[in-house]
Structure formats: C-alpha cells, structure tokens
Amino acid sequence: MEQYEYKTLLTDAKGFFGGKVDPNILQLQLNELGRQGWELVSTVATVQSYGSTRWLISIFKRKIQ
C-alpha cells in the first residue's frame, strides 16, 4: 500500500480587508514545492469578516520513499 506525507502552505491574503494575494509569489512557492516532489491536492480559503479571504491554505502530498 502506498504511503504519503502531507504539507500545508499558508498564504497571507494581505490588505485591510484581506483578499489580496500576489499571484507571482504564490506561483513561485507552488513551483518550488513541485520541484521538491510535492503535489498540490487542494487549496482552501479561510474567511474573515464580510466574506473576504484572510488566508489560503494549500495542501500538498508526496509519496514516502
């Protein structure tokens, strides 16, 4: 049976009301984790007041060798 390990990446959605993520920085982080063998499984937005995004939580997995 295959076994996996998991990793989370917490991305701050900056701004007074949140919701501002620099897509270039996020892309660099995702590409770096991909080079390390991590596969993106899901990304979830956490919400602060009035429905604006505060954090993005990206979940990755990779096979344990």
PDB file of N, CA and C in Angstrom:
ATOM      1  N   MET A   1       0.842  -1.184   0.000  1.00  0.00           N
ATOM      2  CA  MET A   1       0.000   0.000   0.000  1.00  0.00           C
ATOM      3  C   MET A   1       0.884   1.244   0.000  1.00  0.00           C
ATOM      4  N   GLU A   2       0.565   2.183  -0.855  1.00  0.00           N
ATOM      5  CA  GLU A   2       1.341   3.418  -0.921  1.00  0.00           C
ATOM      6  C   GLU A   2       1.095   4.266   0.321  1.00  0.00           C
ATOM      7  N   GLN A   3       2.155   4.935   0.764  1.00  0.00           N
ATOM      8  CA  GLN A   3       2.038   5.836   1.903  1.00  0.00           C
ATOM      9  C   GLN A   3       2.442   7.231   1.460  1.00  0.00           C
ATOM     10  N   TYR A   4       1.804   8.225   2.078  1.00  0.00           N
ATOM     11  CA  TYR A   4       2.048   9.616   1.708  1.00  0.00           C
ATOM     12  C   TYR A   4       2.381  10.438   2.948  1.00  0.00           C
ATOM     13  N   GLU A   5       3.092  11.529   2.701  1.00  0.00           N
ATOM     14  CA  GLU A   5       3.266  12.551   3.725  1.00  0.00           C
ATOM     15  C   GLU A   5       2.588  13.804   3.196  1.00  0.00           C
ATOM     16  N   TYR A   6       2.206  14.674   4.108  1.00  0.00           N
ATOM     17  CA  TYR A   6       1.442  15.866   3.742  1.00  0.00           C
ATOM     18  C   TYR A   6       2.108  17.131   4.254  1.00  0.00           C
ATOM     19  N   LYS A   7       1.864  18.212   3.536  1.00  0.00           N
ATOM     20  CA  LYS A   7       2.449  19.514   3.882  1.00  0.00           C
ATOM     21  C   LYS A   7       1.391  20.574   3.607  1.00  0.00           C
ATOM     22  N   THR A   8       1.384  21.631   4.413  1.00  0.00           N
ATOM     23  CA  THR A   8       0.479  22.752   4.160  1.00  0.00           C
ATOM     24  C   THR A   8       1.290  24.020   3.917  1.00  0.00           C
ATOM     25  N   LEU A   9       0.790  24.856   3.041  1.00  0.00           N
ATOM     26  CA  LEU A   9       1.373  26.160   2.751  1.00  0.00           C
ATOM     27  C   LEU A   9       0.324  27.195   3.121  1.00  0.00           C
ATOM     28  N   LEU A  10       0.670  28.074   4.027  1.00  0.00           N
ATOM     29  CA  LEU A  10      -0.237  29.127   4.479  1.00  0.00           C
ATOM     30  C   LEU A  10       0.151  30.426   3.770  1.00  0.00           C
ATOM     31  N   THR A  11      -0.769  30.968   2.978  1.00  0.00           N
ATOM     32  CA  THR A  11      -0.520  32.190   2.222  1.00  0.00           C
ATOM     33  C   THR A  11      -1.395  33.304   2.775  1.00  0.00           C
ATOM     34  N   ASP A  12      -0.765  34.392   3.179  1.00  0.00           N
ATOM     35  CA  ASP A  12      -1.468  35.539   3.744  1.00  0.00           C
ATOM     36  C   ASP A  12      -2.153  36.326   2.627  1.00  0.00           C
ATOM     37  N   ALA A  13      -3.459  36.533   2.773  1.00  0.00           N
ATOM     38  CA  ALA A  13      -4.200  37.386   1.837  1.00  0.00           C
ATOM     39  C   ALA A  13      -4.197  38.786   2.442  1.00  0.00           C
ATOM     40  N   LYS A  14      -3.222  39.564   2.072  1.00  0.00           N
ATOM     41  CA  LYS A  14      -2.979  40.858   2.698  1.00  0.00           C
ATOM     42  C   LYS A  14      -4.028  41.891   2.346  1.00  0.00           C
ATOM     43  N   GLY A  15      -3.890  43.018   2.937  1.00  0.00           N
ATOM     44  CA  GLY A  15      -4.817  44.113   2.698  1.00  0.00           C
ATOM     45  C   GLY A  15      -5.686  44.335   3.913  1.00  0.00           C
ATOM     46  N   PHE A  16      -6.183  45.524   4.055  1.00  0.00           N
ATOM     47  CA  PHE A  16      -7.005  45.884   5.209  1.00  0.00           C
ATOM     48  C   PHE A  16      -8.213  44.964   5.333  1.00  0.00           C
ATOM     49  N   PHE A  17      -8.823  44.648   4.210  1.00  0.00           N
ATOM     50  CA  PHE A  17      -9.975  43.749   4.203  1.00  0.00           C
ATOM     51  C   PHE A  17      -9.605  42.353   3.717  1.00  0.00           C
ATOM     52  N   GLY A  18      -8.307  42.083   3.546  1.00  0.00           N
ATOM     53  CA  GLY A  18      -7.875  40.773   3.069  1.00  0.00           C
ATOM     54  C   GLY A  18      -8.143  40.623   1.582  1.00  0.00           C
ATOM     55  N   GLY A  19      -7.950  39.421   1.086  1.00  0.00           N
ATOM     56  CA  GLY A  19      -8.290  39.127  -0.304  1.00  0.00           C
ATOM     57  C   GLY A  19      -7.244  39.492  -1.328  1.00  0.00           C
ATOM     58  N   LYS A  20      -6.067  39.976  -0.903  1.00  0.00           N
ATOM     59  CA  LYS A  20      -5.033  40.367  -1.862  1.00  0.00           C
ATOM     60  C   LYS A  20      -3.867  39.392  -1.770  1.00  0.00           C
ATOM     61  N   VAL A  21      -3.737  38.546  -2.771  1.00  0.00           N
ATOM     62  CA  VAL A  21      -2.648  37.579  -2.854  1.00  0.00           C
ATOM     63  C   VAL A  21      -1.819  37.920  -4.076  1.00  0.00           C
ATOM     64  N   ASP A  22      -0.504  37.987  -3.912  1.00  0.00           N
ATOM     65  CA  ASP A  22       0.379  38.244  -5.051  1.00  0.00           C
ATOM     66  C   ASP A  22       0.499  36.943  -5.838  1.00  0.00           C
ATOM     67  N   PRO A  23      -0.090  36.858  -7.033  1.00  0.00           N
ATOM     68  CA  PRO A  23      -0.072  35.605  -7.787  1.00  0.00           C
ATOM     69  C   PRO A  23       1.334  35.177  -8.198  1.00  0.00           C
ATOM     70  N   ASN A  24       2.240  36.132  -8.380  1.00  0.00           N
ATOM     71  CA  ASN A  24       3.611  35.778  -8.771  1.00  0.00           C
ATOM     72  C   ASN A  24       4.340  35.082  -7.636  1.00  0.00           C
ATOM     73  N   ILE A  25       4.179  35.572  -6.423  1.00  0.00           N
ATOM     74  CA  ILE A  25       4.817  34.940  -5.265  1.00  0.00           C
ATOM     75  C   ILE A  25       4.204  33.565  -5.021  1.00  0.00           C
ATOM     76  N   LEU A  26       2.887  33.470  -5.109  1.00  0.00           N
ATOM     77  CA  LEU A  26       2.223  32.180  -4.927  1.00  0.00           C
ATOM     78  C   LEU A  26       2.711  31.174  -5.957  1.00  0.00           C
ATOM     79  N   GLN A  27       2.842  31.600  -7.199  1.00  0.00           N
ATOM     80  CA  GLN A  27       3.308  30.710  -8.258  1.00  0.00           C
ATOM     81  C   GLN A  27       4.731  30.240  -7.984  1.00  0.00           C
ATOM     82  N   LEU A  28       5.598  31.132  -7.517  1.00  0.00           N
ATOM     83  CA  LEU A  28       6.970  30.738  -7.176  1.00  0.00           C
ATOM     84  C   LEU A  28       6.981  29.689  -6.062  1.00  0.00           C
ATOM     85  N   GLN A  29       6.140  29.888  -5.044  1.00  0.00           N
ATOM     86  CA  GLN A  29       6.069  28.933  -3.940  1.00  0.00           C
ATOM     87  C   GLN A  29       5.546  27.581  -4.418  1.00  0.00           C
ATOM     88  N   LEU A  30       4.511  27.585  -5.242  1.00  0.00           N
ATOM     89  CA  LEU A  30       3.951  26.342  -5.753  1.00  0.00           C
ATOM     90  C   LEU A  30       4.956  25.599  -6.630  1.00  0.00           C
ATOM     91  N   ASN A  31       5.659  26.327  -7.489  1.00  0.00           N
ATOM     92  CA  ASN A  31       6.663  25.699  -8.352  1.00  0.00           C
ATOM     93  C   ASN A  31       7.809  25.108  -7.553  1.00  0.00           C
ATOM     94  N   GLU A  32       8.244  25.795  -6.504  1.00  0.00           N
ATOM     95  CA  GLU A  32       9.329  25.283  -5.672  1.00  0.00           C
ATOM     96  C   GLU A  32       8.920  23.980  -4.982  1.00  0.00           C
ATOM     97  N   LEU A  33       7.719  23.954  -4.439  1.00  0.00           N
ATOM     98  CA  LEU A  33       7.243  22.722  -3.805  1.00  0.00           C
ATOM     99  C   LEU A  33       7.079  21.606  -4.834  1.00  0.00           C
ATOM    100  N   GLY A  34       6.642  21.940  -6.029  1.00  0.00           N
ATOM    101  CA  GLY A  34       6.544  20.945  -7.103  1.00  0.00           C
ATOM    102  C   GLY A  34       7.897  20.353  -7.456  1.00  0.00           C
ATOM    103  N   ARG A  35       8.928  21.177  -7.481  1.00  0.00           N
ATOM    104  CA  ARG A  35      10.288  20.683  -7.758  1.00  0.00           C
ATOM    105  C   ARG A  35      10.772  19.745  -6.658  1.00  0.00           C
ATOM    106  N   GLN A  36      10.253  19.940  -5.450  1.00  0.00           N
ATOM    107  CA  GLN A  36      10.627  19.087  -4.328  1.00  0.00           C
ATOM    108  C   GLN A  36       9.808  17.796  -4.282  1.00  0.00           C
ATOM    109  N   GLY A  37       8.919  17.619  -5.260  1.00  0.00           N
ATOM    110  CA  GLY A  37       8.133  16.400  -5.341  1.00  0.00           C
ATOM    111  C   GLY A  37       6.755  16.478  -4.713  1.00  0.00           C
ATOM    112  N   TRP A  38       6.362  17.662  -4.256  1.00  0.00           N
ATOM    113  CA  TRP A  38       5.047  17.821  -3.636  1.00  0.00           C
ATOM    114  C   TRP A  38       3.995  18.041  -4.715  1.00  0.00           C
ATOM    115  N   GLU A  39       2.849  17.394  -4.576  1.00  0.00           N
ATOM    116  CA  GLU A  39       1.727  17.546  -5.493  1.00  0.00           C
ATOM    117  C   GLU A  39       0.608  18.303  -4.779  1.00  0.00           C
ATOM    118  N   LEU A  40       0.114  19.361  -5.403  1.00  0.00           N
ATOM    119  CA  LEU A  40      -0.980  20.147  -4.824  1.00  0.00           C
ATOM    120  C   LEU A  40      -2.258  19.326  -4.866  1.00  0.00           C
ATOM    121  N   VAL A  41      -2.896  19.166  -3.707  1.00  0.00           N
ATOM    122  CA  VAL A  41      -4.130  18.397  -3.596  1.00  0.00           C
ATOM    123  C   VAL A  41      -5.335  19.331  -3.549  1.00  0.00           C
ATOM    124  N   SER A  42      -5.217  20.406  -2.767  1.00  0.00           N
ATOM    125  CA  SER A  42      -6.357  21.297  -2.588  1.00  0.00           C
ATOM    126  C   SER A  42      -5.889  22.636  -2.035  1.00  0.00           C
ATOM    127  N   THR A  43      -6.653  23.676  -2.310  1.00  0.00           N
ATOM    128  CA  THR A  43      -6.443  24.985  -1.702  1.00  0.00           C
ATOM    129  C   THR A  43      -7.780  25.467  -1.159  1.00  0.00           C
ATOM    130  N   VAL A  44      -7.745  25.905   0.094  1.00  0.00           N
ATOM    131  CA  VAL A  44      -8.950  26.347   0.781  1.00  0.00           C
ATOM    132  C   VAL A  44      -8.738  27.786   1.253  1.00  0.00           C
ATOM    133  N   ALA A  45      -9.741  28.618   1.062  1.00  0.00           N
ATOM    134  CA  ALA A  45      -9.684  30.000   1.548  1.00  0.00           C
ATOM    135  C   ALA A  45     -10.365  30.069   2.906  1.00  0.00           C
ATOM    136  N   THR A  46      -9.690  30.687   3.868  1.00  0.00           N
ATOM    137  CA  THR A  46     -10.335  30.955   5.147  1.00  0.00           C
ATOM    138  C   THR A  46     -10.916  32.359   5.080  1.00  0.00           C
ATOM    139  N   VAL A  47     -12.034  32.540   5.713  1.00  0.00           N
ATOM    140  CA  VAL A  47     -12.789  33.787   5.577  1.00  0.00           C
ATOM    141  C   VAL A  47     -12.727  34.590   6.868  1.00  0.00           C
ATOM    142  N   GLN A  48     -12.581  35.899   6.704  1.00  0.00           N
ATOM    143  CA  GLN A  48     -12.699  36.810   7.843  1.00  0.00           C
ATOM    144  C   GLN A  48     -14.009  37.569   7.675  1.00  0.00           C
ATOM    145  N   SER A  49     -14.171  38.641   8.362  1.00  0.00           N
ATOM    146  CA  SER A  49     -15.438  39.368   8.338  1.00  0.00           C
ATOM    147  C   SER A  49     -15.868  39.783   6.934  1.00  0.00           C
ATOM    148  N   TYR A  50     -17.158  39.785   6.721  1.00  0.00           N
ATOM    149  CA  TYR A  50     -17.790  40.200   5.468  1.00  0.00           C
ATOM    150  C   TYR A  50     -17.397  39.332   4.282  1.00  0.00           C
ATOM    151  N   GLY A  51     -16.951  38.115   4.545  1.00  0.00           N
ATOM    152  CA  GLY A  51     -16.688  37.163   3.479  1.00  0.00           C
ATOM    153  C   GLY A  51     -15.376  37.333   2.732  1.00  0.00           C
ATOM    154  N   SER A  52     -14.501  38.224   3.164  1.00  0.00           N
ATOM    155  CA  SER A  52     -13.239  38.393   2.457  1.00  0.00           C
ATOM    156  C   SER A  52     -12.241  37.314   2.894  1.00  0.00           C
ATOM    157  N   THR A  53     -11.373  36.934   1.995  1.00  0.00           N
ATOM    158  CA  THR A  53     -10.392  35.890   2.263  1.00  0.00           C
ATOM    159  C   THR A  53      -9.274  36.430   3.138  1.00  0.00           C
ATOM    160  N   ARG A  54      -8.903  35.681   4.175  1.00  0.00           N
ATOM    161  CA  ARG A  54      -7.802  36.077   5.065  1.00  0.00           C
ATOM    162  C   ARG A  54      -6.552  35.261   4.790  1.00  0.00           C
ATOM    163  N   TRP A  55      -6.710  33.966   4.616  1.00  0.00           N
ATOM    164  CA  TRP A  55      -5.585  33.070   4.350  1.00  0.00           C
ATOM    165  C   TRP A  55      -5.977  32.072   3.265  1.00  0.00           C
ATOM    166  N   LEU A  56      -4.990  31.646   2.487  1.00  0.00           N
ATOM    167  CA  LEU A  56      -5.154  30.492   1.613  1.00  0.00           C
ATOM    168  C   LEU A  56      -4.352  29.360   2.234  1.00  0.00           C
ATOM    169  N   ILE A  57      -4.966  28.224   2.396  1.00  0.00           N
ATOM    170  CA  ILE A  57      -4.270  27.050   2.909  1.00  0.00           C
ATOM    171  C   ILE A  57      -4.184  26.054   1.767  1.00  0.00           C
ATOM    172  N   SER A  58      -2.962  25.800   1.298  1.00  0.00           N
ATOM    173  CA  SER A  58      -2.737  24.840   0.221  1.00  0.00           C
ATOM    174  C   SER A  58      -2.200  23.553   0.827  1.00  0.00           C
ATOM    175  N   ILE A  59      -2.787  22.437   0.420  1.00  0.00           N
ATOM    176  CA  ILE A  59      -2.426  21.128   0.952  1.00  0.00           C
ATOM    177  C   ILE A  59      -1.742  20.329  -0.147  1.00  0.00           C
ATOM    178  N   PHE A  60      -0.583  19.769   0.197  1.00  0.00           N
ATOM    179  CA  PHE A  60       0.233  19.001  -0.738  1.00  0.00           C
ATOM    180  C   PHE A  60       0.449  17.596  -0.197  1.00  0.00           C
ATOM    181  N   LYS A  61       0.760  16.674  -1.109  1.00  0.00           N
ATOM    182  CA  LYS A  61       1.144  15.329  -0.690  1.00  0.00           C
ATOM    183  C   LYS A  61       2.280  14.848  -1.580  1.00  0.00           C
ATOM    184  N   ARG A  62       3.044  13.879  -1.067  1.00  0.00           N
ATOM    185  CA  ARG A  62       4.039  13.178  -1.865  1.00  0.00           C
ATOM    186  C   ARG A  62       4.229  11.794  -1.263  1.00  0.00           C
ATOM    187  N   LYS A  63       4.603  10.863  -2.118  1.00  0.00           N
ATOM    188  CA  LYS A  63       4.820   9.504  -1.686  1.00  0.00           C
ATOM    189  C   LYS A  63       6.021   9.423  -0.763  1.00  0.00           C
ATOM    190  N   ILE A  64       5.889   8.580   0.230  1.00  0.00           N
ATOM    191  CA  ILE A  64       7.033   8.307   1.109  1.00  0.00           C
ATOM    192  C   ILE A  64       7.868   7.236   0.427  1.00  0.00           C
ATOM    193  N   GLN A  65       9.125   7.523   0.246  1.00  0.00           N
ATOM    194  CA  GLN A  65      10.040   6.583  -0.444  1.00  0.00           C
ATOM    195  C   GLN A  65      10.494   5.472   0.476  1.00  0.00           C
TER     196      GLN A  65
END
